[in-house]
């Protein structure tokens, strides 16, 4: 019985960490992966570096983003932070 009493606080701490830290991070990661897999030509995006532009071309691992001055830059899909709605 003493062993169970010693392990109980450790188990409780693990459950608390799971619901406060691990689970929300997994949800955020899942949402980011869904957003990156749903990218399509014409989407208005922001990269992790802060560059805003439109998706000009896309393949399995890379995205070509056209900026407002017309230049085209190639990024990995993982470099896309968010998709903005077209104004």
N, C-alpha and C. Protein backbone atom coordinates (compact mmCIF):
# COMPACT_ATOMS: atom_id res chain seq x y z
N UNK A 1 0.82 -1.19 0.00
CA UNK A 1 0.00 0.00 0.00
C UNK A 1 0.86 1.26 0.00
N UNK A 2 2.01 1.18 0.62
CA UNK A 2 2.91 2.32 0.70
C UNK A 2 3.45 2.70 -0.68
N UNK A 3 3.69 1.70 -1.53
CA UNK A 3 4.20 1.97 -2.87
C UNK A 3 3.18 2.73 -3.69
N UNK A 4 1.92 2.36 -3.57
CA UNK A 4 0.85 3.05 -4.29
C UNK A 4 0.73 4.50 -3.83
N UNK A 5 0.89 4.73 -2.56
CA UNK A 5 0.83 6.09 -2.04
C UNK A 5 1.99 6.94 -2.55
N UNK A 6 3.14 6.32 -2.79
CA UNK A 6 4.29 7.05 -3.30
C UNK A 6 4.17 7.35 -4.79
N UNK A 7 3.52 6.47 -5.54
CA UNK A 7 3.39 6.64 -6.98
C UNK A 7 2.23 7.57 -7.34
N UNK A 8 1.21 7.65 -6.52
CA UNK A 8 0.02 8.45 -6.81
C UNK A 8 0.34 9.91 -7.19
N UNK A 9 1.16 10.64 -6.44
CA UNK A 9 1.46 12.03 -6.84
C UNK A 9 2.17 12.12 -8.19
N UNK A 10 3.03 11.15 -8.48
CA UNK A 10 3.73 11.14 -9.76
C UNK A 10 2.74 10.93 -10.91
N UNK A 11 1.80 10.01 -10.74
CA UNK A 11 0.79 9.77 -11.77
C UNK A 11 -0.10 10.99 -11.95
N UNK A 12 -0.49 11.61 -10.86
CA UNK A 12 -1.31 12.81 -10.93
C UNK A 12 -0.58 13.94 -11.66
N UNK A 13 0.70 14.10 -11.40
CA UNK A 13 1.49 15.13 -12.07
C UNK A 13 1.59 14.83 -13.57
N UNK A 14 1.75 13.57 -13.96
CA UNK A 14 1.80 13.22 -15.37
C UNK A 14 0.48 13.54 -16.07
N UNK A 15 -0.64 13.24 -15.42
CA UNK A 15 -1.95 13.53 -16.00
C UNK A 15 -2.13 15.04 -16.18
N UNK A 16 -1.73 15.81 -15.20
CA UNK A 16 -1.84 17.27 -15.29
C UNK A 16 -0.98 17.80 -16.43
N UNK A 17 0.28 17.32 -16.54
CA UNK A 17 1.15 17.74 -17.63
C UNK A 17 0.56 17.36 -18.98
N UNK A 18 -0.03 16.19 -19.07
CA UNK A 18 -0.60 15.76 -20.34
C UNK A 18 -1.71 16.71 -20.79
N UNK A 19 -2.62 17.05 -19.90
CA UNK A 19 -3.75 17.88 -20.30
C UNK A 19 -3.39 19.36 -20.42
N UNK A 20 -2.36 19.83 -19.75
CA UNK A 20 -1.98 21.24 -19.83
C UNK A 20 -0.92 21.52 -20.88
N UNK A 21 -0.05 20.56 -21.18
CA UNK A 21 1.06 20.83 -22.08
C UNK A 21 1.06 19.95 -23.34
N UNK A 22 1.00 18.66 -23.17
CA UNK A 22 1.20 17.74 -24.28
C UNK A 22 0.00 17.76 -25.23
N UNK A 23 -1.19 17.61 -24.73
CA UNK A 23 -2.39 17.53 -25.57
C UNK A 23 -2.62 18.81 -26.39
N UNK A 24 -2.54 20.01 -25.79
CA UNK A 24 -2.71 21.22 -26.61
C UNK A 24 -1.65 21.36 -27.70
N UNK A 25 -0.41 20.97 -27.41
CA UNK A 25 0.64 21.04 -28.42
C UNK A 25 0.35 20.09 -29.57
N UNK A 26 -0.14 18.89 -29.27
CA UNK A 26 -0.49 17.93 -30.32
C UNK A 26 -1.63 18.46 -31.19
N UNK A 27 -2.60 19.13 -30.58
CA UNK A 27 -3.71 19.72 -31.35
C UNK A 27 -3.21 20.82 -32.28
N UNK A 28 -2.33 21.70 -31.76
CA UNK A 28 -1.78 22.77 -32.60
C UNK A 28 -1.00 22.19 -33.77
N UNK A 29 -0.18 21.17 -33.50
CA UNK A 29 0.62 20.54 -34.55
C UNK A 29 -0.27 19.90 -35.61
N UNK A 30 -1.34 19.27 -35.19
CA UNK A 30 -2.28 18.65 -36.13
C UNK A 30 -2.94 19.71 -37.01
N UNK A 31 -3.34 20.84 -36.41
CA UNK A 31 -3.96 21.92 -37.18
C UNK A 31 -2.99 22.51 -38.20
N UNK A 32 -1.74 22.68 -37.82
CA UNK A 32 -0.73 23.21 -38.74
C UNK A 32 -0.50 22.25 -39.89
N UNK A 33 -0.41 20.95 -39.61
CA UNK A 33 -0.22 19.97 -40.67
C UNK A 33 -1.41 19.95 -41.62
N UNK A 34 -2.62 20.07 -41.10
CA UNK A 34 -3.80 20.11 -41.96
C UNK A 34 -3.80 21.35 -42.84
N UNK A 35 -3.43 22.49 -42.27
CA UNK A 35 -3.37 23.74 -43.03
C UNK A 35 -2.34 23.63 -44.14
N UNK A 36 -1.16 23.08 -43.83
CA UNK A 36 -0.11 22.97 -44.83
C UNK A 36 -0.45 21.97 -45.92
N UNK A 37 -1.16 20.93 -45.59
CA UNK A 37 -1.53 19.95 -46.61
C UNK A 37 -2.69 20.45 -47.48
N UNK A 38 -3.46 21.42 -47.00
CA UNK A 38 -4.60 21.95 -47.74
C UNK A 38 -4.25 23.18 -48.57
N UNK A 39 -2.96 23.54 -48.62
CA UNK A 39 -2.57 24.71 -49.42
C UNK A 39 -2.92 24.49 -50.88
N UNK A 40 -3.33 25.59 -51.54
CA UNK A 40 -3.63 25.51 -52.96
C UNK A 40 -3.20 26.80 -53.63
N UNK A 41 -3.09 26.75 -54.93
CA UNK A 41 -2.67 27.91 -55.70
C UNK A 41 -3.66 29.05 -55.48
N UNK A 42 -3.11 30.25 -55.24
CA UNK A 42 -3.94 31.43 -55.03
C UNK A 42 -4.18 31.77 -53.57
N UNK A 43 -3.79 30.88 -52.65
CA UNK A 43 -3.96 31.18 -51.22
C UNK A 43 -3.03 32.32 -50.81
N UNK A 44 -3.53 33.19 -49.98
CA UNK A 44 -2.73 34.27 -49.41
C UNK A 44 -2.08 33.71 -48.14
N UNK A 45 -0.74 33.70 -48.09
CA UNK A 45 -0.03 33.05 -46.99
C UNK A 45 0.96 33.99 -46.33
N UNK A 46 1.37 33.60 -45.13
CA UNK A 46 2.44 34.26 -44.39
C UNK A 46 3.44 33.18 -44.02
N UNK A 47 4.73 33.43 -44.30
CA UNK A 47 5.76 32.45 -43.97
C UNK A 47 6.22 32.64 -42.53
N UNK A 48 7.02 31.70 -42.04
CA UNK A 48 7.53 31.82 -40.68
C UNK A 48 8.50 32.99 -40.55
N UNK A 49 9.02 33.46 -41.67
CA UNK A 49 9.89 34.64 -41.67
C UNK A 49 9.14 35.95 -41.75
N UNK A 50 7.81 35.88 -41.94
CA UNK A 50 6.99 37.08 -41.96
C UNK A 50 6.69 37.60 -43.36
N UNK A 51 7.09 36.88 -44.40
CA UNK A 51 6.81 37.34 -45.76
C UNK A 51 5.37 37.02 -46.14
N UNK A 52 4.69 38.00 -46.70
CA UNK A 52 3.31 37.83 -47.15
C UNK A 52 3.32 37.67 -48.66
N UNK A 53 2.47 36.79 -49.17
CA UNK A 53 2.39 36.61 -50.61
C UNK A 53 1.29 35.64 -50.99
N UNK A 54 1.23 35.34 -52.29
CA UNK A 54 0.25 34.41 -52.82
C UNK A 54 0.95 33.16 -53.29
N UNK A 55 0.32 32.01 -53.10
CA UNK A 55 0.88 30.75 -53.58
C UNK A 55 0.76 30.75 -55.10
N UNK A 56 1.90 30.65 -55.77
CA UNK A 56 1.93 30.66 -57.23
C UNK A 56 2.00 29.25 -57.80
N UNK A 57 2.71 28.36 -57.12
CA UNK A 57 2.82 26.96 -57.54
C UNK A 57 3.08 26.13 -56.29
N UNK A 58 2.75 24.85 -56.38
CA UNK A 58 2.89 23.99 -55.22
C UNK A 58 3.15 22.57 -55.67
N UNK A 59 4.03 21.88 -54.94
CA UNK A 59 4.21 20.44 -55.15
C UNK A 59 4.24 19.76 -53.79
N UNK A 60 4.69 18.53 -53.73
CA UNK A 60 4.60 17.77 -52.47
C UNK A 60 5.39 18.39 -51.33
N UNK A 61 6.56 18.96 -51.61
CA UNK A 61 7.40 19.43 -50.52
C UNK A 61 7.71 20.93 -50.58
N UNK A 62 7.43 21.58 -51.70
CA UNK A 62 7.79 22.99 -51.84
C UNK A 62 6.61 23.83 -52.31
N UNK A 63 6.69 25.12 -51.98
CA UNK A 63 5.67 26.09 -52.36
C UNK A 63 6.39 27.29 -52.97
N UNK A 64 5.91 27.75 -54.11
CA UNK A 64 6.43 28.98 -54.72
C UNK A 64 5.48 30.10 -54.34
N UNK A 65 6.02 31.12 -53.65
CA UNK A 65 5.22 32.24 -53.17
C UNK A 65 5.59 33.48 -53.98
N UNK A 66 4.57 34.16 -54.51
CA UNK A 66 4.77 35.39 -55.27
C UNK A 66 4.48 36.56 -54.34
N UNK A 67 5.47 37.45 -54.21
CA UNK A 67 5.28 38.61 -53.34
C UNK A 67 4.60 39.74 -54.11
N UNK A 68 4.33 40.85 -53.44
CA UNK A 68 3.59 41.95 -54.06
C UNK A 68 4.40 42.63 -55.16
N UNK A 69 5.72 42.56 -55.11
CA UNK A 69 6.53 43.18 -56.17
C UNK A 69 6.71 42.25 -57.37
N UNK A 70 6.12 41.05 -57.31
CA UNK A 70 6.16 40.13 -58.43
C UNK A 70 7.25 39.08 -58.37
N UNK A 71 8.16 39.19 -57.41
CA UNK A 71 9.22 38.19 -57.30
C UNK A 71 8.65 36.89 -56.75
N UNK A 72 9.27 35.79 -57.19
CA UNK A 72 8.81 34.47 -56.75
C UNK A 72 9.91 33.81 -55.93
N UNK A 73 9.53 33.32 -54.77
CA UNK A 73 10.46 32.65 -53.87
C UNK A 73 9.95 31.26 -53.57
N UNK A 74 10.87 30.31 -53.46
CA UNK A 74 10.51 28.93 -53.18
C UNK A 74 10.76 28.63 -51.72
N UNK A 75 9.77 28.04 -51.05
CA UNK A 75 9.85 27.68 -49.64
C UNK A 75 9.45 26.22 -49.47
N UNK A 76 9.93 25.60 -48.41
CA UNK A 76 9.40 24.30 -48.00
C UNK A 76 7.98 24.52 -47.49
N UNK A 77 7.16 23.50 -47.60
CA UNK A 77 5.78 23.61 -47.07
C UNK A 77 5.78 23.97 -45.59
N UNK A 78 6.77 23.44 -44.86
CA UNK A 78 6.83 23.69 -43.42
C UNK A 78 7.09 25.15 -43.08
N UNK A 79 7.51 25.95 -44.06
CA UNK A 79 7.80 27.36 -43.80
C UNK A 79 6.55 28.22 -43.84
N UNK A 80 5.42 27.66 -44.20
CA UNK A 80 4.17 28.43 -44.24
C UNK A 80 3.56 28.42 -42.84
N UNK A 81 3.43 29.62 -42.26
CA UNK A 81 2.90 29.73 -40.90
C UNK A 81 1.39 29.78 -40.87
N UNK A 82 0.78 30.53 -41.82
CA UNK A 82 -0.67 30.64 -41.80
C UNK A 82 -1.20 31.00 -43.19
N UNK A 83 -2.45 30.69 -43.39
CA UNK A 83 -3.16 31.07 -44.60
C UNK A 83 -4.13 32.16 -44.22
N UNK A 84 -4.05 33.28 -44.91
CA UNK A 84 -4.94 34.40 -44.65
C UNK A 84 -6.08 34.40 -45.64
N UNK A 85 -7.21 34.89 -45.24
CA UNK A 85 -8.34 34.97 -46.16
C UNK A 85 -8.08 36.09 -47.17
N UNK A 86 -8.56 35.90 -48.38
CA UNK A 86 -8.39 36.89 -49.43
C UNK A 86 -9.33 38.06 -49.13
N UNK A 87 -8.76 39.28 -49.08
CA UNK A 87 -9.55 40.48 -48.73
C UNK A 87 -10.41 40.93 -49.87
